Structure formats: structure tokens, C-alpha cells
């Protein structure tokens, strides 16, 4: 190595013939004070001395802070072997799932299909509105078939949670999926008057943007890959999008209440002598309360997840 000392710039070198074989590539680290060279033994065993020559070179001095005598070295090796054996013993107790790769493949394919479906919805809506200049009023007729497919397939997420394929809690998944499907199939799908309203665009658009980050995040998690920008988007994008989506769903229900009242669709008439009719529009007013409760449940769940994944890491106490 080249160094600057009392006699100016010089080339410094030394040779050590070790007692036993060592790894050919040492690890070097340069600091302002010194040069540290770490040489690893090929076999972890006790050496009687460092070099082949019995007399230690004059330029070598032991570092007693890191010095181990023979009993210490044997104890350290014994502890490492016990730790390795203990680890193998624990791993042998955990039963290996023969269907692990099949489950992982299914989850990857599910998340990939959902990502592609919602990507098609998002791109189609964006192109039609901002490039082709289409209006809000034909959103349902152009997008509904793909949205039906994606939201019907989303019912598998409830099944995945029930059978333990994923560790996601069941209640937030049920609240989101059944809430969306109620809006899609019951409110929009059954009323032609609602299908041409601009609010449909905002409902579908907010749903699709959220899923553009959620499904690829889960897909990469299945294969052990974490992309930090995607993780941040997954646990941050919901903060503005969920209130906007919830507001759009609430507006959709409010606009449908007079139509259900006028047509009497899905209203339930009880038999005589009661002669009472339960108006579906009244149930929708109750559902508005349930909608905001469901949003609150999802908000709380997503906030905990965000704190867990993006919050400050806790230091372990020694």
C-alpha cells in the first residue's frame, strides 16, 4: 500500500505465512486512523500460534480486546454449534406445507389478473375522457363488464382470508368487497336511470386507482420482493382516495333513493292484515350509515398497516 509517513510517500508491504490455510481474499477497511485487514480461517479451529515460524515477527502485536485462549475458542465454537443445532431442531418441528408453491402460484395469478383488469379500467377511462374527449355519461356502458368481472373475482379475497391463505383480517375485506358489490350490482346494475349519471365515473375511477397499487404490491410480496416506492404508494394513496371514493358512493346512493321510491323496486310488501310495505329507499338510508361505518373500519385497518410498514422502526432493548 502507498502511505504518507514521517519520511514522505512510501510503498509499504509485509508478508505473513500463517500456520494453517486462510481464505484467499481478505476484507480491507480504511479509516482515518488505520488500515484494518480481516483474514478469515478456512476452518474454525484453535491455532497454537499465528505463523509457521515459532518466533512472532517484531511488527506483530496481539489485540487483547479480541484475544481468545484455547478454552474461550472452544466455548465459542461449541455455542455456535449448539445454536445451529437448535435452529435445525426448530425448523424440523415446523411442518412443511406440500401445497406451498401451489398456493403461492395461485395468489400471484390472482393478483396479476386483478391488476390487469383494473389497469384496463383505469387506462380506458383516462383515454376516453382526457384524450378522446368522451363525456362522463357513458362510463357504465363501456366499463361495466370489466368491473363486474373484477368485483366478482374479488369475492375470492374473502375466501382466501377464511381458509388462511392470506393473513389479512376478514372484516375489512368483507366491508370493502360487499360494499362495492352492493353499489355495482344493486344500485347501478338494476337502475338504468343511474347508469348514465356522472357519479359513476368518479366511483369507478377511485376504485381503479386504489387497486393499481394494492394488487402489484401483494403480487410482489408473494415472491418476497419489496419495492419501496410501491410500498409507500400502497399505504399512502388511500388517504385521499378512500374519502373521495366513499363520497362518490354516498352521492350514488343519495341519487338513487328517489328513483327507488318512485319505482318501488326491491320494496317488500307484507301480507294482510298488516298491509305494510318496507320501502327499499328506506333501507338505503340506513345503508348510508353502514357505508360510513365500513369506511371507518377500513380507515382504521389501513392506518394500522401504514404505521406498521412506514412508521419509525422500534429499537430493540438490549
Foldseek 3Di string as FASTA:
>chain_A
DWDQDPVGIDDDDDDAAFPADWDPDWDWDDDPVDIDTHIGRPDQADDPDTGPDPDDDPVDDDDVVPDDDRVRSVVVVVVVVVVVVVVVVVVVVDDDDPCLVVLLVVLLVLLVVLLVLLVCLQVVLCCVCPPVNHDLQQSCVVNLVSVVVNLVSLVVVLVCCVVVSDVDDNLLSCLVSVLVCCCNCPLQVVDVVLNRDNLVSQLSNLVSVLSNLVSVQSSCVSVPDDDPVSVCCNLPVCVVSLVSNLVSSLVSLVVRLVVQVVVVPPWAADDPPVRDIRGVSVVSVVVNVVSVVSSVVNVVVSVVVCCVPPNDDDDDDD
